[in-house]
Amino acid sequence: MSEQKVILCVDDEADILELFKDEFVDGGFKVLEASNGVDAFEIFKNNKVDCIVSDIRMPGGDGVTFVKNVKEHGTDIPIFLVTG
């Protein structure tokens, strides 16, 4: 059996996080959630993450800075930035 892929979803709006989580879980993925870029980076550092879906503008740490921090770790995982 193959290992379940992990998607880190980052958004400051709880409804959007719930929407992402529901869709990805239905697709067979494990979902980790954060409400800002600072918290997301801590989750990223402490977990194996296969893909990131992040909002761009969030209080408490924006998505662009978060992605820069992730890239500084030398990862080449897929990252999708979304905006409302």
N, C-alpha and C. Protein backbone atom coordinates (compact mmCIF):
# COMPACT_ATOMS: atom_id res chain seq x y z
N MET A 1 0.85 -1.17 0.00
CA MET A 1 0.00 0.00 0.00
C MET A 1 0.90 1.24 0.00
N SER A 2 0.59 2.22 -0.82
CA SER A 2 1.40 3.43 -0.91
C SER A 2 1.08 4.38 0.24
N GLU A 3 2.06 5.19 0.58
CA GLU A 3 1.91 6.16 1.64
C GLU A 3 0.95 7.27 1.23
N GLN A 4 0.11 7.69 2.15
CA GLN A 4 -0.85 8.76 1.88
C GLN A 4 -0.11 10.08 1.70
N LYS A 5 -0.41 10.81 0.65
CA LYS A 5 0.21 12.10 0.37
C LYS A 5 -0.37 13.17 1.28
N VAL A 6 0.47 14.14 1.65
CA VAL A 6 0.10 15.18 2.60
C VAL A 6 0.07 16.54 1.90
N ILE A 7 -1.04 17.24 2.06
CA ILE A 7 -1.19 18.59 1.52
C ILE A 7 -1.32 19.56 2.69
N LEU A 8 -0.51 20.60 2.68
CA LEU A 8 -0.60 21.66 3.67
C LEU A 8 -1.43 22.80 3.09
N CYS A 9 -2.57 23.08 3.70
CA CYS A 9 -3.47 24.14 3.26
C CYS A 9 -3.36 25.31 4.23
N VAL A 10 -3.18 26.52 3.66
CA VAL A 10 -2.96 27.70 4.48
C VAL A 10 -3.93 28.80 4.04
N ASP A 11 -4.77 29.23 4.95
CA ASP A 11 -5.70 30.32 4.66
C ASP A 11 -6.21 30.88 5.98
N ASP A 12 -6.41 32.18 6.04
CA ASP A 12 -6.90 32.79 7.26
C ASP A 12 -8.42 32.70 7.39
N GLU A 13 -9.10 32.26 6.36
CA GLU A 13 -10.55 32.11 6.41
C GLU A 13 -10.90 30.64 6.67
N ALA A 14 -11.54 30.39 7.80
CA ALA A 14 -11.87 29.03 8.21
C ALA A 14 -12.73 28.30 7.19
N ASP A 15 -13.67 29.01 6.55
CA ASP A 15 -14.54 28.38 5.56
C ASP A 15 -13.75 27.86 4.36
N ILE A 16 -12.74 28.62 3.94
CA ILE A 16 -11.92 28.21 2.80
C ILE A 16 -11.07 27.00 3.19
N LEU A 17 -10.50 27.02 4.39
CA LEU A 17 -9.73 25.87 4.85
C LEU A 17 -10.59 24.61 4.88
N GLU A 18 -11.80 24.76 5.37
CA GLU A 18 -12.72 23.62 5.45
C GLU A 18 -13.05 23.09 4.05
N LEU A 19 -13.26 23.99 3.10
CA LEU A 19 -13.53 23.59 1.72
C LEU A 19 -12.36 22.80 1.14
N PHE A 20 -11.14 23.35 1.29
CA PHE A 20 -9.95 22.63 0.81
C PHE A 20 -9.84 21.26 1.47
N LYS A 21 -9.98 21.25 2.79
CA LYS A 21 -9.83 19.99 3.53
C LYS A 21 -10.83 18.95 3.05
N ASP A 22 -12.08 19.33 2.95
CA ASP A 22 -13.10 18.38 2.50
C ASP A 22 -12.77 17.79 1.14
N GLU A 23 -12.40 18.65 0.20
CA GLU A 23 -12.11 18.19 -1.16
C GLU A 23 -10.88 17.28 -1.20
N PHE A 24 -9.82 17.67 -0.51
CA PHE A 24 -8.59 16.88 -0.56
C PHE A 24 -8.74 15.56 0.21
N VAL A 25 -9.42 15.58 1.34
CA VAL A 25 -9.66 14.34 2.08
C VAL A 25 -10.50 13.38 1.24
N ASP A 26 -11.53 13.91 0.57
CA ASP A 26 -12.33 13.08 -0.32
C ASP A 26 -11.49 12.47 -1.43
N GLY A 27 -10.43 13.17 -1.82
CA GLY A 27 -9.52 12.68 -2.86
C GLY A 27 -8.46 11.72 -2.34
N GLY A 28 -8.47 11.43 -1.04
CA GLY A 28 -7.56 10.46 -0.48
C GLY A 28 -6.28 11.04 0.11
N PHE A 29 -6.23 12.34 0.30
CA PHE A 29 -5.05 12.99 0.84
C PHE A 29 -5.21 13.24 2.34
N LYS A 30 -4.08 13.31 3.03
CA LYS A 30 -4.07 13.79 4.41
C LYS A 30 -3.88 15.31 4.32
N VAL A 31 -4.58 16.07 5.15
CA VAL A 31 -4.52 17.53 5.09
C VAL A 31 -4.05 18.09 6.42
N LEU A 32 -3.04 18.95 6.34
CA LEU A 32 -2.60 19.73 7.48
C LEU A 32 -3.07 21.16 7.23
N GLU A 33 -3.42 21.88 8.30
CA GLU A 33 -4.00 23.21 8.13
C GLU A 33 -3.26 24.25 8.97
N ALA A 34 -3.18 25.47 8.41
CA ALA A 34 -2.64 26.61 9.14
C ALA A 34 -3.41 27.85 8.72
N SER A 35 -3.48 28.83 9.63
CA SER A 35 -4.24 30.04 9.32
C SER A 35 -3.35 31.22 8.93
N ASN A 36 -2.03 31.02 8.90
CA ASN A 36 -1.12 32.07 8.45
C ASN A 36 0.23 31.46 8.07
N GLY A 37 1.06 32.27 7.44
CA GLY A 37 2.34 31.78 6.94
C GLY A 37 3.31 31.38 8.02
N VAL A 38 3.29 32.06 9.16
CA VAL A 38 4.20 31.73 10.25
C VAL A 38 3.88 30.34 10.80
N ASP A 39 2.62 30.10 11.10
CA ASP A 39 2.20 28.78 11.60
C ASP A 39 2.45 27.70 10.54
N ALA A 40 2.18 28.03 9.28
CA ALA A 40 2.38 27.07 8.20
C ALA A 40 3.83 26.65 8.09
N PHE A 41 4.74 27.60 8.25
CA PHE A 41 6.16 27.27 8.15
C PHE A 41 6.58 26.32 9.27
N GLU A 42 6.06 26.52 10.47
CA GLU A 42 6.36 25.60 11.57
C GLU A 42 5.84 24.20 11.26
N ILE A 43 4.63 24.11 10.72
CA ILE A 43 4.07 22.81 10.33
C ILE A 43 4.93 22.18 9.25
N PHE A 44 5.33 22.98 8.26
CA PHE A 44 6.18 22.48 7.18
C PHE A 44 7.49 21.91 7.71
N LYS A 45 8.12 22.62 8.64
CA LYS A 45 9.41 22.16 9.18
C LYS A 45 9.28 20.87 9.98
N ASN A 46 8.12 20.62 10.56
CA ASN A 46 7.95 19.49 11.46
C ASN A 46 7.19 18.30 10.87
N ASN A 47 6.85 18.38 9.58
CA ASN A 47 6.07 17.31 8.94
C ASN A 47 6.56 17.10 7.52
N LYS A 48 6.35 15.90 7.03
CA LYS A 48 6.61 15.62 5.61
C LYS A 48 5.40 16.14 4.83
N VAL A 49 5.64 17.10 3.96
CA VAL A 49 4.57 17.71 3.18
C VAL A 49 4.86 17.46 1.70
N ASP A 50 3.86 17.00 0.96
CA ASP A 50 4.03 16.69 -0.46
C ASP A 50 3.57 17.82 -1.38
N CYS A 51 2.73 18.72 -0.87
CA CYS A 51 2.19 19.81 -1.68
C CYS A 51 1.67 20.89 -0.74
N ILE A 52 1.73 22.14 -1.21
CA ILE A 52 1.23 23.27 -0.42
C ILE A 52 0.22 24.05 -1.26
N VAL A 53 -0.90 24.39 -0.62
CA VAL A 53 -1.89 25.29 -1.21
C VAL A 53 -2.06 26.42 -0.22
N SER A 54 -1.72 27.66 -0.64
CA SER A 54 -1.72 28.77 0.30
C SER A 54 -2.35 30.02 -0.28
N ASP A 55 -3.08 30.71 0.57
CA ASP A 55 -3.56 32.04 0.26
C ASP A 55 -2.33 32.96 0.20
N ILE A 56 -2.48 34.09 -0.49
CA ILE A 56 -1.37 35.04 -0.58
C ILE A 56 -1.42 36.03 0.58
N ARG A 57 -2.57 36.65 0.78
CA ARG A 57 -2.70 37.68 1.80
C ARG A 57 -3.36 37.12 3.06
N MET A 58 -2.59 37.19 4.15
CA MET A 58 -3.10 36.73 5.44
C MET A 58 -2.43 37.54 6.54
N PRO A 59 -3.19 37.93 7.55
CA PRO A 59 -2.55 38.56 8.71
C PRO A 59 -1.72 37.51 9.46
N GLY A 60 -0.64 37.93 10.04
CA GLY A 60 0.17 37.00 10.83
C GLY A 60 1.14 36.20 9.99
N GLY A 61 1.40 36.62 8.78
CA GLY A 61 2.35 35.92 7.91
C GLY A 61 1.74 35.63 6.57
N ASP A 62 2.19 36.35 5.54
CA ASP A 62 1.59 36.20 4.21
C ASP A 62 2.14 34.98 3.47
N GLY A 63 1.45 34.61 2.41
CA GLY A 63 1.80 33.43 1.64
C GLY A 63 3.09 33.57 0.86
N VAL A 64 3.41 34.76 0.38
CA VAL A 64 4.63 34.96 -0.41
C VAL A 64 5.86 34.75 0.48
N THR A 65 5.86 35.34 1.66
CA THR A 65 6.97 35.14 2.59
C THR A 65 7.07 33.68 3.00
N PHE A 66 5.96 33.04 3.24
CA PHE A 66 5.94 31.62 3.57
C PHE A 66 6.61 30.79 2.47
N VAL A 67 6.24 31.05 1.22
CA VAL A 67 6.82 30.30 0.10
C VAL A 67 8.33 30.55 0.01
N LYS A 68 8.75 31.78 0.21
CA LYS A 68 10.20 32.09 0.19
C LYS A 68 10.92 31.27 1.26
N ASN A 69 10.35 31.19 2.45
CA ASN A 69 10.96 30.41 3.52
C ASN A 69 11.02 28.93 3.17
N VAL A 70 9.97 28.41 2.56
CA VAL A 70 9.95 27.01 2.14
C VAL A 70 11.03 26.76 1.10
N LYS A 71 11.12 27.64 0.11
CA LYS A 71 12.10 27.48 -0.97
C LYS A 71 13.53 27.55 -0.45
N GLU A 72 13.79 28.34 0.60
CA GLU A 72 15.12 28.42 1.20
C GLU A 72 15.56 27.08 1.79
N HIS A 73 14.61 26.20 2.06
CA HIS A 73 14.92 24.87 2.56
C HIS A 73 15.24 23.89 1.43
N GLY A 74 15.28 24.38 0.20
CA GLY A 74 15.69 23.55 -0.93
C GLY A 74 14.66 22.54 -1.41
N THR A 75 13.42 22.75 -1.09
CA THR A 75 12.39 21.81 -1.51
C THR A 75 11.90 22.12 -2.92
N ASP A 76 11.47 21.10 -3.60
CA ASP A 76 10.90 21.30 -4.93
C ASP A 76 9.47 20.76 -5.01
N ILE A 77 8.78 20.76 -3.87
CA ILE A 77 7.40 20.28 -3.87
C ILE A 77 6.51 21.29 -4.57
N PRO A 78 5.40 20.83 -5.13
CA PRO A 78 4.46 21.76 -5.77
C PRO A 78 3.85 22.73 -4.76
N ILE A 79 3.80 24.01 -5.15
CA ILE A 79 3.20 25.04 -4.32
C ILE A 79 2.22 25.83 -5.16
N PHE A 80 1.00 25.95 -4.67
CA PHE A 80 -0.05 26.69 -5.36
C PHE A 80 -0.46 27.86 -4.49
N LEU A 81 -0.33 29.08 -5.01
CA LEU A 81 -0.78 30.28 -4.32
C LEU A 81 -2.12 30.68 -4.90
N VAL A 82 -3.07 30.94 -4.02
CA VAL A 82 -4.41 31.32 -4.45
C VAL A 82 -4.79 32.66 -3.85
N THR A 83 -5.70 33.33 -4.51
CA THR A 83 -6.20 34.60 -4.00
C THR A 83 -7.70 34.65 -4.24
N GLY A 84 -8.39 35.34 -3.37
CA GLY A 84 -9.84 35.39 -3.48
C GLY A 84 -10.25 36.53 -4.35
